[in-house]
Amino acid sequence: MATLTYVYAESTAVLGPLATYAEPHCYDLCEQHADSLTVPRGWEVLRLAMPSTPQQPGPDDLLALANAVRDAAALPGQTPPQPAQRGPHTALEAPAATEGTRRGHLRILREPS
């Protein structure tokens, strides 16, 4: 996987590692399309070094997934509850929940003491 970014005014296309956030003029490409990329005549392609192993998901990815699930579970016309700001290494907790409580299709589990 790679991200293609281009600057039309400079006739330059840059192919590099997957971007962590969306920007205008950026497109994610599969490996096959990244390898066979061609650009218009007169354009320059900069191919940045790609990581040898895929990047592993981190805490921010887990929070983004939890927020997406929370938003999808909200009833139409209802605004989803906003999560409290948390530090980088704190566990996600639901207010006033007990072990095994179900919220939608997710189950809240506490860490063993």
PDB file of N, CA and C in Angstrom:
ATOM      1  N   MET A   1       0.830  -1.165   0.000  1.00  0.00           N
ATOM      2  CA  MET A   1       0.000   0.000   0.000  1.00  0.00           C
ATOM      3  C   MET A   1       0.887   1.245   0.000  1.00  0.00           C
ATOM      4  N   ALA A   2       0.440   2.250  -0.693  1.00  0.00           N
ATOM      5  CA  ALA A   2       1.196   3.499  -0.791  1.00  0.00           C
ATOM      6  C   ALA A   2       0.217   4.651  -0.990  1.00  0.00           C
ATOM      7  N   THR A   3       0.689   5.853  -0.724  1.00  0.00           N
ATOM      8  CA  THR A   3      -0.113   7.052  -0.965  1.00  0.00           C
ATOM      9  C   THR A   3       0.521   7.858  -2.081  1.00  0.00           C
ATOM     10  N   LEU A   4      -0.308   8.226  -3.052  1.00  0.00           N
ATOM     11  CA  LEU A   4       0.113   9.070  -4.163  1.00  0.00           C
ATOM     12  C   LEU A   4      -0.318  10.495  -3.853  1.00  0.00           C
ATOM     13  N   THR A   5       0.632  11.409  -3.881  1.00  0.00           N
ATOM     14  CA  THR A   5       0.357  12.831  -3.693  1.00  0.00           C
ATOM     15  C   THR A   5       0.908  13.546  -4.914  1.00  0.00           C
ATOM     16  N   TYR A   6       0.202  14.558  -5.384  1.00  0.00           N
ATOM     17  CA  TYR A   6       0.735  15.284  -6.532  1.00  0.00           C
ATOM     18  C   TYR A   6       0.570  16.782  -6.345  1.00  0.00           C
ATOM     19  N   VAL A   7       1.478  17.504  -6.990  1.00  0.00           N
ATOM     20  CA  VAL A   7       1.435  18.963  -7.023  1.00  0.00           C
ATOM     21  C   VAL A   7       1.350  19.336  -8.495  1.00  0.00           C
ATOM     22  N   TYR A   8       0.164  19.691  -8.929  1.00  0.00           N
ATOM     23  CA  TYR A   8      -0.077  19.958 -10.339  1.00  0.00           C
ATOM     24  C   TYR A   8       0.783  21.109 -10.848  1.00  0.00           C
ATOM     25  N   ALA A   9       0.937  22.166 -10.029  1.00  0.00           N
ATOM     26  CA  ALA A   9       1.688  23.348 -10.460  1.00  0.00           C
ATOM     27  C   ALA A   9       3.163  23.025 -10.722  1.00  0.00           C
ATOM     28  N   GLU A  10       3.695  21.999 -10.042  1.00  0.00           N
ATOM     29  CA  GLU A  10       5.098  21.640 -10.204  1.00  0.00           C
ATOM     30  C   GLU A  10       5.286  20.396 -11.071  1.00  0.00           C
ATOM     31  N   SER A  11       4.194  19.845 -11.600  1.00  0.00           N
ATOM     32  CA  SER A  11       4.243  18.629 -12.426  1.00  0.00           C
ATOM     33  C   SER A  11       5.018  17.518 -11.719  1.00  0.00           C
ATOM     34  N   THR A  12       4.683  17.307 -10.446  1.00  0.00           N
ATOM     35  CA  THR A  12       5.391  16.319  -9.636  1.00  0.00           C
ATOM     36  C   THR A  12       4.393  15.401  -8.939  1.00  0.00           C
ATOM     37  N   ALA A  13       4.671  14.098  -8.961  1.00  0.00           N
ATOM     38  CA  ALA A  13       3.900  13.103  -8.225  1.00  0.00           C
ATOM     39  C   ALA A  13       4.841  12.438  -7.231  1.00  0.00           C
ATOM     40  N   VAL A  14       4.368  12.244  -6.006  1.00  0.00           N
ATOM     41  CA  VAL A  14       5.174  11.608  -4.962  1.00  0.00           C
ATOM     42  C   VAL A  14       4.452  10.344  -4.520  1.00  0.00           C
ATOM     43  N   LEU A  15       5.157   9.231  -4.539  1.00  0.00           N
ATOM     44  CA  LEU A  15       4.619   7.957  -4.108  1.00  0.00           C
ATOM     45  C   LEU A  15       5.391   7.534  -2.869  1.00  0.00           C
ATOM     46  N   GLY A  16       4.689   7.388  -1.745  1.00  0.00           N
ATOM     47  CA  GLY A  16       5.367   7.058  -0.500  1.00  0.00           C
ATOM     48  C   GLY A  16       4.508   6.218   0.409  1.00  0.00           C
ATOM     49  N   PRO A  17       4.927   6.057   1.670  1.00  0.00           N
ATOM     50  CA  PRO A  17       4.167   5.251   2.630  1.00  0.00           C
ATOM     51  C   PRO A  17       2.756   5.799   2.819  1.00  0.00           C
ATOM     52  N   LEU A  18       1.861   4.959   3.305  1.00  0.00           N
ATOM     53  CA  LEU A  18       0.478   5.372   3.530  1.00  0.00           C
ATOM     54  C   LEU A  18       0.420   6.606   4.411  1.00  0.00           C
ATOM     55  N   ALA A  19      -0.401   7.550   4.019  1.00  0.00           N
ATOM     56  CA  ALA A  19      -0.590   8.766   4.807  1.00  0.00           C
ATOM     57  C   ALA A  19      -1.423   8.432   6.041  1.00  0.00           C
ATOM     58  N   THR A  20      -1.194   9.157   7.123  1.00  0.00           N
ATOM     59  CA  THR A  20      -1.943   8.914   8.359  1.00  0.00           C
ATOM     60  C   THR A  20      -3.209   9.748   8.431  1.00  0.00           C
ATOM     61  N   TYR A  21      -3.373  10.707   7.538  1.00  0.00           N
ATOM     62  CA  TYR A  21      -4.599  11.504   7.503  1.00  0.00           C
ATOM     63  C   TYR A  21      -4.867  11.921   6.054  1.00  0.00           C
ATOM     64  N   ALA A  22      -6.133  12.216   5.782  1.00  0.00           N
ATOM     65  CA  ALA A  22      -6.541  12.551   4.414  1.00  0.00           C
ATOM     66  C   ALA A  22      -6.200  13.999   4.085  1.00  0.00           C
ATOM     67  N   GLU A  23      -5.747  14.209   2.880  1.00  0.00           N
ATOM     68  CA  GLU A  23      -5.449  15.551   2.357  1.00  0.00           C
ATOM     69  C   GLU A  23      -5.969  15.624   0.935  1.00  0.00           C
ATOM     70  N   PRO A  24      -6.250  16.850   0.467  1.00  0.00           N
ATOM     71  CA  PRO A  24      -6.620  16.975  -0.951  1.00  0.00           C
ATOM     72  C   PRO A  24      -5.440  16.522  -1.828  1.00  0.00           C
ATOM     73  N   HIS A  25      -5.738  15.955  -2.945  1.00  0.00           N
ATOM     74  CA  HIS A  25      -4.729  15.508  -3.907  1.00  0.00           C
ATOM     75  C   HIS A  25      -3.904  14.332  -3.397  1.00  0.00           C
ATOM     76  N   CYS A  26      -4.438  13.538  -2.471  1.00  0.00           N
ATOM     77  CA  CYS A  26      -3.777  12.315  -1.994  1.00  0.00           C
ATOM     78  C   CYS A  26      -4.683  11.123  -2.278  1.00  0.00           C
ATOM     79  N   TYR A  27      -4.080  10.051  -2.763  1.00  0.00           N
ATOM     80  CA  TYR A  27      -4.841   8.851  -3.084  1.00  0.00           C
ATOM     81  C   TYR A  27      -4.069   7.635  -2.608  1.00  0.00           C
ATOM     82  N   ASP A  28      -4.744   6.722  -1.906  1.00  0.00           N
ATOM     83  CA  ASP A  28      -4.114   5.484  -1.467  1.00  0.00           C
ATOM     84  C   ASP A  28      -4.189   4.466  -2.602  1.00  0.00           C
ATOM     85  N   LEU A  29      -3.066   3.788  -2.845  1.00  0.00           N
ATOM     86  CA  LEU A  29      -2.976   2.812  -3.931  1.00  0.00           C
ATOM     87  C   LEU A  29      -2.571   1.458  -3.377  1.00  0.00           C
ATOM     88  N   CYS A  30      -3.091   0.395  -3.980  1.00  0.00           N
ATOM     89  CA  CYS A  30      -2.641  -0.944  -3.611  1.00  0.00           C
ATOM     90  C   CYS A  30      -1.223  -1.141  -4.179  1.00  0.00           C
ATOM     91  N   GLU A  31      -0.594  -2.225  -3.793  1.00  0.00           N
ATOM     92  CA  GLU A  31       0.789  -2.472  -4.219  1.00  0.00           C
ATOM     93  C   GLU A  31       0.907  -2.595  -5.736  1.00  0.00           C
ATOM     94  N   GLN A  32      -0.051  -3.277  -6.348  1.00  0.00           N
ATOM     95  CA  GLN A  32      -0.015  -3.467  -7.801  1.00  0.00           C
ATOM     96  C   GLN A  32      -0.080  -2.132  -8.538  1.00  0.00           C
ATOM     97  N   HIS A  33      -0.986  -1.257  -8.138  1.00  0.00           N
ATOM     98  CA  HIS A  33      -1.120   0.030  -8.815  1.00  0.00           C
ATOM     99  C   HIS A  33       0.030   0.979  -8.475  1.00  0.00           C
ATOM    100  N   ALA A  34       0.567   0.871  -7.274  1.00  0.00           N
ATOM    101  CA  ALA A  34       1.721   1.701  -6.919  1.00  0.00           C
ATOM    102  C   ALA A  34       2.937   1.319  -7.764  1.00  0.00           C
ATOM    103  N   ASP A  35       3.105   0.013  -8.006  1.00  0.00           N
ATOM    104  CA  ASP A  35       4.245  -0.446  -8.806  1.00  0.00           C
ATOM    105  C   ASP A  35       4.117  -0.077 -10.283  1.00  0.00           C
ATOM    106  N   SER A  36       2.880  -0.003 -10.800  1.00  0.00           N
ATOM    107  CA  SER A  36       2.694   0.261 -12.226  1.00  0.00           C
ATOM    108  C   SER A  36       2.315   1.719 -12.508  1.00  0.00           C
ATOM    109  N   LEU A  37       2.518   2.604 -11.549  1.00  0.00           N
ATOM    110  CA  LEU A  37       2.149   4.008 -11.702  1.00  0.00           C
ATOM    111  C   LEU A  37       2.893   4.662 -12.865  1.00  0.00           C
ATOM    112  N   THR A  38       2.155   5.363 -13.699  1.00  0.00           N
ATOM    113  CA  THR A  38       2.748   6.185 -14.746  1.00  0.00           C
ATOM    114  C   THR A  38       2.162   7.588 -14.623  1.00  0.00           C
ATOM    115  N   VAL A  39       2.904   8.578 -15.069  1.00  0.00           N
ATOM    116  CA  VAL A  39       2.460   9.966 -14.990  1.00  0.00           C
ATOM    117  C   VAL A  39       2.528  10.591 -16.385  1.00  0.00           C
ATOM    118  N   PRO A  40       1.880  11.720 -16.580  1.00  0.00           N
ATOM    119  CA  PRO A  40       1.924  12.371 -17.897  1.00  0.00           C
ATOM    120  C   PRO A  40       3.347  12.744 -18.311  1.00  0.00           C
ATOM    121  N   ARG A  41       3.579  12.840 -19.604  1.00  0.00           N
ATOM    122  CA  ARG A  41       4.878  13.231 -20.141  1.00  0.00           C
ATOM    123  C   ARG A  41       5.267  14.589 -19.560  1.00  0.00           C
ATOM    124  N   GLY A  42       6.512  14.711 -19.123  1.00  0.00           N
ATOM    125  CA  GLY A  42       7.010  15.958 -18.552  1.00  0.00           C
ATOM    126  C   GLY A  42       6.883  16.030 -17.034  1.00  0.00           C
ATOM    127  N   TRP A  43       6.183  15.063 -16.443  1.00  0.00           N
ATOM    128  CA  TRP A  43       6.044  15.044 -14.991  1.00  0.00           C
ATOM    129  C   TRP A  43       7.198  14.255 -14.372  1.00  0.00           C
ATOM    130  N   GLU A  44       7.494  14.551 -13.118  1.00  0.00           N
ATOM    131  CA  GLU A  44       8.524  13.843 -12.362  1.00  0.00           C
ATOM    132  C   GLU A  44       7.847  13.003 -11.285  1.00  0.00           C
ATOM    133  N   VAL A  45       8.340  11.784 -11.080  1.00  0.00           N
ATOM    134  CA  VAL A  45       7.824  10.912 -10.024  1.00  0.00           C
ATOM    135  C   VAL A  45       8.908  10.742  -8.974  1.00  0.00           C
ATOM    136  N   LEU A  46       8.578  11.065  -7.739  1.00  0.00           N
ATOM    137  CA  LEU A  46       9.483  10.822  -6.617  1.00  0.00           C
ATOM    138  C   LEU A  46       8.951   9.615  -5.858  1.00  0.00           C
ATOM    139  N   ARG A  47       9.757   8.564  -5.802  1.00  0.00           N
ATOM    140  CA  ARG A  47       9.355   7.355  -5.073  1.00  0.00           C
ATOM    141  C   ARG A  47      10.134   7.320  -3.765  1.00  0.00           C
ATOM    142  N   LEU A  48       9.409   7.543  -2.665  1.00  0.00           N
ATOM    143  CA  LEU A  48      10.024   7.543  -1.344  1.00  0.00           C
ATOM    144  C   LEU A  48      10.244   6.112  -0.873  1.00  0.00           C
ATOM    145  N   ALA A  49      11.197   5.925   0.027  1.00  0.00           N
ATOM    146  CA  ALA A  49      11.472   4.594   0.570  1.00  0.00           C
ATOM    147  C   ALA A  49      10.244   4.082   1.319  1.00  0.00           C
ATOM    148  N   MET A  50       9.890   2.849   1.022  1.00  0.00           N
ATOM    149  CA  MET A  50       8.732   2.227   1.662  1.00  0.00           C
ATOM    150  C   MET A  50       9.222   1.362   2.822  1.00  0.00           C
ATOM    151  N   PRO A  51       8.452   1.308   3.936  1.00  0.00           N
ATOM    152  CA  PRO A  51       8.860   0.446   5.052  1.00  0.00           C
ATOM    153  C   PRO A  51       8.826  -1.020   4.636  1.00  0.00           C
ATOM    154  N   SER A  52       9.765  -1.806   5.165  1.00  0.00           N
ATOM    155  CA  SER A  52       9.833  -3.220   4.777  1.00  0.00           C
ATOM    156  C   SER A  52       8.730  -4.045   5.428  1.00  0.00           C
ATOM    157  N   THR A  53       8.220  -3.607   6.570  1.00  0.00           N
ATOM    158  CA  THR A  53       7.124  -4.310   7.234  1.00  0.00           C
ATOM    159  C   THR A  53       5.963  -3.343   7.418  1.00  0.00           C
ATOM    160  N   PRO A  54       4.734  -3.837   7.337  1.00  0.00           N
ATOM    161  CA  PRO A  54       3.587  -2.944   7.522  1.00  0.00           C
ATOM    162  C   PRO A  54       3.561  -2.370   8.935  1.00  0.00           C
ATOM    163  N   GLN A  55       3.082  -1.146   9.042  1.00  0.00           N
ATOM    164  CA  GLN A  55       3.007  -0.492  10.338  1.00  0.00           C
ATOM    165  C   GLN A  55       1.921  -1.150  11.179  1.00  0.00           C
ATOM    166  N   GLN A  56       2.223  -1.415  12.444  1.00  0.00           N
ATOM    167  CA  GLN A  56       1.269  -2.040  13.353  1.00  0.00           C
ATOM    168  C   GLN A  56       0.311  -0.991  13.910  1.00  0.00           C
ATOM    169  N   PRO A  57      -0.943  -1.384  14.178  1.00  0.00           N
ATOM    170  CA  PRO A  57      -1.890  -0.425  14.743  1.00  0.00           C
ATOM    171  C   PRO A  57      -1.437   0.057  16.112  1.00  0.00           C
ATOM    172  N   GLY A  58      -1.713   1.312  16.400  1.00  0.00           N
ATOM    173  CA  GLY A  58      -1.336   1.892  17.682  1.00  0.00           C
ATOM    174  C   GLY A  58      -2.562   2.313  18.473  1.00  0.00           C
ATOM    175  N   PRO A  59      -2.356   2.957  19.623  1.00  0.00           N
ATOM    176  CA  PRO A  59      -3.472   3.384  20.477  1.00  0.00           C
ATOM    177  C   PRO A  59      -4.420   4.348  19.763  1.00  0.00           C
ATOM    178  N   ASP A  60      -3.897   5.218  18.917  1.00  0.00           N
ATOM    179  CA  ASP A  60      -4.764   6.154  18.196  1.00  0.00           C
ATOM    180  C   ASP A  60      -5.683   5.412  17.236  1.00  0.00           C
ATOM    181  N   ASP A  61      -5.196   4.320  16.639  1.00  0.00           N
ATOM    182  CA  ASP A  61      -6.025   3.533  15.734  1.00  0.00           C
ATOM    183  C   ASP A  61      -7.183   2.891  16.492  1.00  0.00           C
ATOM    184  N   LEU A  62      -6.915   2.393  17.698  1.00  0.00           N
ATOM    185  CA  LEU A  62      -7.952   1.772  18.519  1.00  0.00           C
ATOM    186  C   LEU A  62      -9.018   2.800  18.898  1.00  0.00           C
ATOM    187  N   LEU A  63      -8.598   4.001  19.277  1.00  0.00           N
ATOM    188  CA  LEU A  63      -9.556   5.048  19.624  1.00  0.00           C
ATOM    189  C   LEU A  63     -10.388   5.464  18.411  1.00  0.00           C
ATOM    190  N   ALA A  64      -9.768   5.561  17.246  1.00  0.00           N
ATOM    191  CA  ALA A  64     -10.503   5.914  16.038  1.00  0.00           C
ATOM    192  C   ALA A  64     -11.544   4.844  15.712  1.00  0.00           C
ATOM    193  N   LEU A  65     -11.197   3.584  15.888  1.00  0.00           N
ATOM    194  CA  LEU A  65     -12.134   2.496  15.641  1.00  0.00           C
ATOM    195  C   LEU A  65     -13.289   2.548  16.635  1.00  0.00           C
ATOM    196  N   ALA A  66     -12.985   2.766  17.906  1.00  0.00           N
ATOM    197  CA  ALA A  66     -14.033   2.859  18.928  1.00  0.00           C
ATOM    198  C   ALA A  66     -14.971   4.026  18.637  1.00  0.00           C
ATOM    199  N   ASN A  67     -14.432   5.164  18.227  1.00  0.00           N
ATOM    200  CA  ASN A  67     -15.275   6.319  17.894  1.00  0.00           C
ATOM    201  C   ASN A  67     -16.156   6.038  16.680  1.00  0.00           C
ATOM    202  N   ALA A  68     -15.619   5.339  15.684  1.00  0.00           N
ATOM    203  CA  ALA A  68     -16.398   5.009  14.492  1.00  0.00           C
ATOM    204  C   ALA A  68     -17.549   4.071  14.844  1.00  0.00           C
ATOM    205  N   VAL A  69     -17.295   3.101  15.710  1.00  0.00           N
ATOM    206  CA  VAL A  69     -18.347   2.179  16.141  1.00  0.00           C
ATOM    207  C   VAL A  69     -19.406   2.932  16.937  1.00  0.00           C
ATOM    208  N   ARG A  70     -18.984   3.826  17.810  1.00  0.00           N
ATOM    209  CA  ARG A  70     -19.916   4.622  18.617  1.00  0.00           C
ATOM    210  C   ARG A  70     -20.798   5.481  17.705  1.00  0.00           C
ATOM    211  N   ASP A  71     -20.198   6.119  16.702  1.00  0.00           N
ATOM    212  CA  ASP A  71     -20.964   6.952  15.779  1.00  0.00           C
ATOM    213  C   ASP A  71     -21.956   6.116  14.971  1.00  0.00           C
ATOM    214  N   ALA A  72     -21.537   4.939  14.534  1.00  0.00           N
ATOM    215  CA  ALA A  72     -22.409   4.083  13.738  1.00  0.00           C
ATOM    216  C   ALA A  72     -23.572   3.542  14.562  1.00  0.00           C
ATOM    217  N   ALA A  73     -23.375   3.381  15.870  1.00  0.00           N
ATOM    218  CA  ALA A  73     -24.415   2.826  16.736  1.00  0.00           C
ATOM    219  C   ALA A  73     -25.431   3.871  17.165  1.00  0.00           C
ATOM    220  N   ALA A  74     -25.156   5.144  16.953  1.00  0.00           N
ATOM    221  CA  ALA A  74     -26.081   6.207  17.361  1.00  0.00           C
ATOM    222  C   ALA A  74     -27.356   6.111  16.536  1.00  0.00           C
ATOM    223  N   LEU A  75     -28.493   6.342  17.192  1.00  0.00           N
ATOM    224  CA  LEU A  75     -29.781   6.329  16.498  1.00  0.00           C
ATOM    225  C   LEU A  75     -29.876   7.527  15.571  1.00  0.00           C
ATOM    226  N   PRO A  76     -30.614   7.407  14.463  1.00  0.00           N
ATOM    227  CA  PRO A  76     -30.768   8.553  13.560  1.00  0.00           C
ATOM    228  C   PRO A  76     -31.351   9.751  14.307  1.00  0.00           C
ATOM    229  N   GLY A  77     -30.768  10.920  14.100  1.00  0.00           N
ATOM    230  CA  GLY A  77     -31.218  12.130  14.769  1.00  0.00           C
ATOM    231  C   GLY A  77     -30.650  12.310  16.158  1.00  0.00           C
ATOM    232  N   GLN A  78     -29.927  11.335  16.637  1.00  0.00           N
ATOM    233  CA  GLN A  78     -29.330  11.405  17.973  1.00  0.00           C
ATOM    234  C   GLN A  78     -27.833  11.655  17.807  1.00  0.00           C
ATOM    235  N   THR A  79     -27.294  12.584  18.574  1.00  0.00           N
ATOM    236  CA  THR A  79     -25.854  12.818  18.498  1.00  0.00           C
ATOM    237  C   THR A  79     -25.163  11.809  19.402  1.00  0.00           C
ATOM    238  N   PRO A  80     -24.096  11.181  18.907  1.00  0.00           N
ATOM    239  CA  PRO A  80     -23.397  10.181  19.712  1.00  0.00           C
ATOM    240  C   PRO A  80     -22.704  10.831  20.896  1.00  0.00           C
ATOM    241  N   PRO A  81     -22.567  10.102  22.012  1.00  0.00           N
ATOM    242  CA  PRO A  81     -21.854  10.653  23.165  1.00  0.00           C
ATOM    243  C   PRO A  81     -20.394  10.883  22.820  1.00  0.00           C
ATOM    244  N   GLN A  82     -19.852  11.971  23.294  1.00  0.00           N
ATOM    245  CA  GLN A  82     -18.456  12.293  23.030  1.00  0.00           C
ATOM    246  C   GLN A  82     -17.583  11.655  24.107  1.00  0.00           C
ATOM    247  N   PRO A  83     -16.516  10.958  23.717  1.00  0.00           N
ATOM    248  CA  PRO A  83     -15.640  10.347  24.715  1.00  0.00           C
ATOM    249  C   PRO A  83     -14.846  11.418  25.451  1.00  0.00           C
ATOM    250  N   ALA A  84     -14.536  11.113  26.711  1.00  0.00           N
ATOM    251  CA  ALA A  84     -13.721  12.023  27.507  1.00  0.00           C
ATOM    252  C   ALA A  84     -12.288  11.983  26.989  1.00  0.00           C
ATOM    253  N   GLN A  85     -11.565  13.086  27.166  1.00  0.00           N
ATOM    254  CA  GLN A  85     -10.160  13.117  26.770  1.00  0.00           C
ATOM    255  C   GLN A  85      -9.386  12.171  27.684  1.00  0.00           C
ATOM    256  N   ARG A  86      -8.549  11.372  27.101  1.00  0.00           N
ATOM    257  CA  ARG A  86      -7.787  10.383  27.865  1.00  0.00           C
ATOM    258  C   ARG A  86      -6.313  10.505  27.528  1.00  0.00           C
ATOM    259  N   GLY A  87      -5.502  10.004  28.425  1.00  0.00           N
ATOM    260  CA  GLY A  87      -4.066   9.967  28.197  1.00  0.00           C
ATOM    261  C   GLY A  87      -3.737   8.871  27.201  1.00  0.00           C
ATOM    262  N   PRO A  88      -2.484   8.785  26.747  1.00  0.00           N
ATOM    263  CA  PRO A  88      -2.129   7.829  25.707  1.00  0.00           C
ATOM    264  C   PRO A  88      -2.183   6.373  26.151  1.00  0.00           C
ATOM    265  N   HIS A  89      -2.132   6.092  27.455  1.00  0.00           N
ATOM    266  CA  HIS A  89      -2.073   4.701  27.892  1.00  0.00           C
ATOM    267  C   HIS A  89      -3.195   4.341  28.846  1.00  0.00           C
ATOM    268  N   THR A  90      -4.336   5.001  28.783  1.00  0.00           N
ATOM    269  CA  THR A  90      -5.452   4.657  29.652  1.00  0.00           C
ATOM    270  C   THR A  90      -6.430   3.798  28.887  1.00  0.00           C
ATOM    271  N   ALA A  91      -7.134   2.946  29.610  1.00  0.00           N
ATOM    272  CA  ALA A  91      -8.099   2.050  28.982  1.00  0.00           C
ATOM    273  C   ALA A  91      -9.405   2.789  28.721  1.00  0.00           C
ATOM    274  N   LEU A  92     -10.123   2.348  27.705  1.00  0.00           N
ATOM    275  CA  LEU A  92     -11.433   2.920  27.433  1.00  0.00           C
ATOM    276  C   LEU A  92     -12.412   2.383  28.463  1.00  0.00           C
ATOM    277  N   GLU A  93     -13.195   3.244  29.074  1.00  0.00           N
ATOM    278  CA  GLU A  93     -14.182   2.815  30.046  1.00  0.00           C
ATOM    279  C   GLU A  93     -15.494   3.501  29.767  1.00  0.00           C
ATOM    280  N   ALA A  94     -16.574   2.780  29.967  1.00  0.00           N
ATOM    281  CA  ALA A  94     -17.898   3.367  29.822  1.00  0.00           C
ATOM    282  C   ALA A  94     -18.385   3.776  31.204  1.00  0.00           C
ATOM    283  N   PRO A  95     -19.045   4.919  31.336  1.00  0.00           N
ATOM    284  CA  PRO A  95     -19.515   5.349  32.635  1.00  0.00           C
ATOM    285  C   PRO A  95     -20.612   4.437  33.169  1.00  0.00           C
ATOM    286  N   ALA A  96     -20.553   4.151  34.454  1.00  0.00           N
ATOM    287  CA  ALA A  96     -21.561   3.385  35.182  1.00  0.00           C
ATOM    288  C   ALA A  96     -21.877   2.052  34.523  1.00  0.00           C
ATOM    289  N   ALA A  97     -20.884   1.332  34.074  1.00  0.00           N
ATOM    290  CA  ALA A  97     -21.105   0.027  33.455  1.00  0.00           C
ATOM    291  C   ALA A  97     -20.590  -1.054  34.381  1.00  0.00           C
ATOM    292  N   THR A  98     -21.202  -2.212  34.306  1.00  0.00           N
ATOM    293  CA  THR A  98     -20.754  -3.331  35.121  1.00  0.00           C
ATOM    294  C   THR A  98     -20.194  -4.398  34.207  1.00  0.00           C
ATOM    295  N   GLU A  99     -19.471  -5.338  34.781  1.00  0.00           N
ATOM    296  CA  GLU A  99     -18.842  -6.407  34.018  1.00  0.00           C
ATOM    297  C   GLU A  99     -19.882  -7.133  33.168  1.00  0.00           C
ATOM    298  N   GLY A 100     -19.609  -7.262  31.895  1.00  0.00           N
ATOM    299  CA  GLY A 100     -20.491  -7.994  31.011  1.00  0.00           C
ATOM    300  C   GLY A 100     -21.649  -7.179  30.451  1.00  0.00           C
ATOM    301  N   THR A 101     -21.751  -5.900  30.804  1.00  0.00           N
ATOM    302  CA  THR A 101     -22.820  -5.063  30.276  1.00  0.00           C
ATOM    303  C   THR A 101     -22.669  -4.952  28.772  1.00  0.00           C
ATOM    304  N   ARG A 102     -23.785  -5.075  28.072  1.00  0.00           N
ATOM    305  CA  ARG A 102     -23.739  -4.966  26.616  1.00  0.00           C
ATOM    306  C   ARG A 102     -24.196  -3.584  26.192  1.00  0.00           C
ATOM    307  N   ARG A 103     -23.463  -2.989  25.266  1.00  0.00           N
ATOM    308  CA  ARG A 103     -23.840  -1.723  24.639  1.00  0.00           C
ATOM    309  C   ARG A 103     -23.774  -1.969  23.151  1.00  0.00           C
ATOM    310  N   GLY A 104     -24.941  -2.117  22.540  1.00  0.00           N
ATOM    311  CA  GLY A 104     -24.942  -2.443  21.125  1.00  0.00           C
ATOM    312  C   GLY A 104     -24.391  -3.848  20.952  1.00  0.00           C
ATOM    313  N   HIS A 105     -23.409  -4.026  20.095  1.00  0.00           N
ATOM    314  CA  HIS A 105     -22.807  -5.340  19.896  1.00  0.00           C
ATOM    315  C   HIS A 105     -21.460  -5.471  20.599  1.00  0.00           C
ATOM    316  N   LEU A 106     -21.114  -4.473  21.426  1.00  0.00           N
ATOM    317  CA  LEU A 106     -19.848  -4.512  22.155  1.00  0.00           C
ATOM    318  C   LEU A 106     -20.103  -4.910  23.609  1.00  0.00           C
ATOM    319  N   ARG A 107     -19.147  -5.566  24.228  1.00  0.00           N
ATOM    320  CA  ARG A 107     -19.248  -5.952  25.623  1.00  0.00           C
ATOM    321  C   ARG A 107     -18.096  -5.307  26.383  1.00  0.00           C
ATOM    322  N   ILE A 108     -18.386  -4.714  27.524  1.00  0.00           N
ATOM    323  CA  ILE A 108     -17.368  -4.058  28.330  1.00  0.00           C
ATOM    324  C   ILE A 108     -16.730  -5.079  29.256  1.00  0.00           C
ATOM    325  N   LEU A 109     -15.413  -5.192  29.187  1.00  0.00           N
ATOM    326  CA  LEU A 109     -14.673  -6.102  30.046  1.00  0.00           C
ATOM    327  C   LEU A 109     -13.663  -5.295  30.832  1.00  0.00           C
ATOM    328  N   ARG A 110     -13.570  -5.550  32.104  1.00  0.00           N
ATOM    329  CA  ARG A 110     -12.600  -4.872  32.969  1.00  0.00           C
ATOM    330  C   ARG A 110     -11.306  -5.661  33.010  1.00  0.00           C
ATOM    331  N   GLU A 111     -10.195  -4.960  33.237  1.00  0.00           N
ATOM    332  CA  GLU A 111      -8.921  -5.656  33.396  1.00  0.00           C
ATOM    333  C   GLU A 111      -8.909  -6.350  34.739  1.00  0.00           C
ATOM    334  N   PRO A 112      -8.313  -7.554  34.826  1.00  0.00           N
ATOM    335  CA  PRO A 112      -8.236  -8.246  36.122  1.00  0.00           C
ATOM    336  C   PRO A 112      -7.387  -7.435  37.098  1.00  0.00           C
ATOM    337  N   SER A 113      -7.775  -7.445  38.338  1.00  0.00           N
ATOM    338  CA  SER A 113      -7.049  -6.679  39.373  1.00  0.00           C
ATOM    339  C   SER A 113      -5.722  -7.288  39.710  1.00  0.00           C
TER     340      SER A 113
END
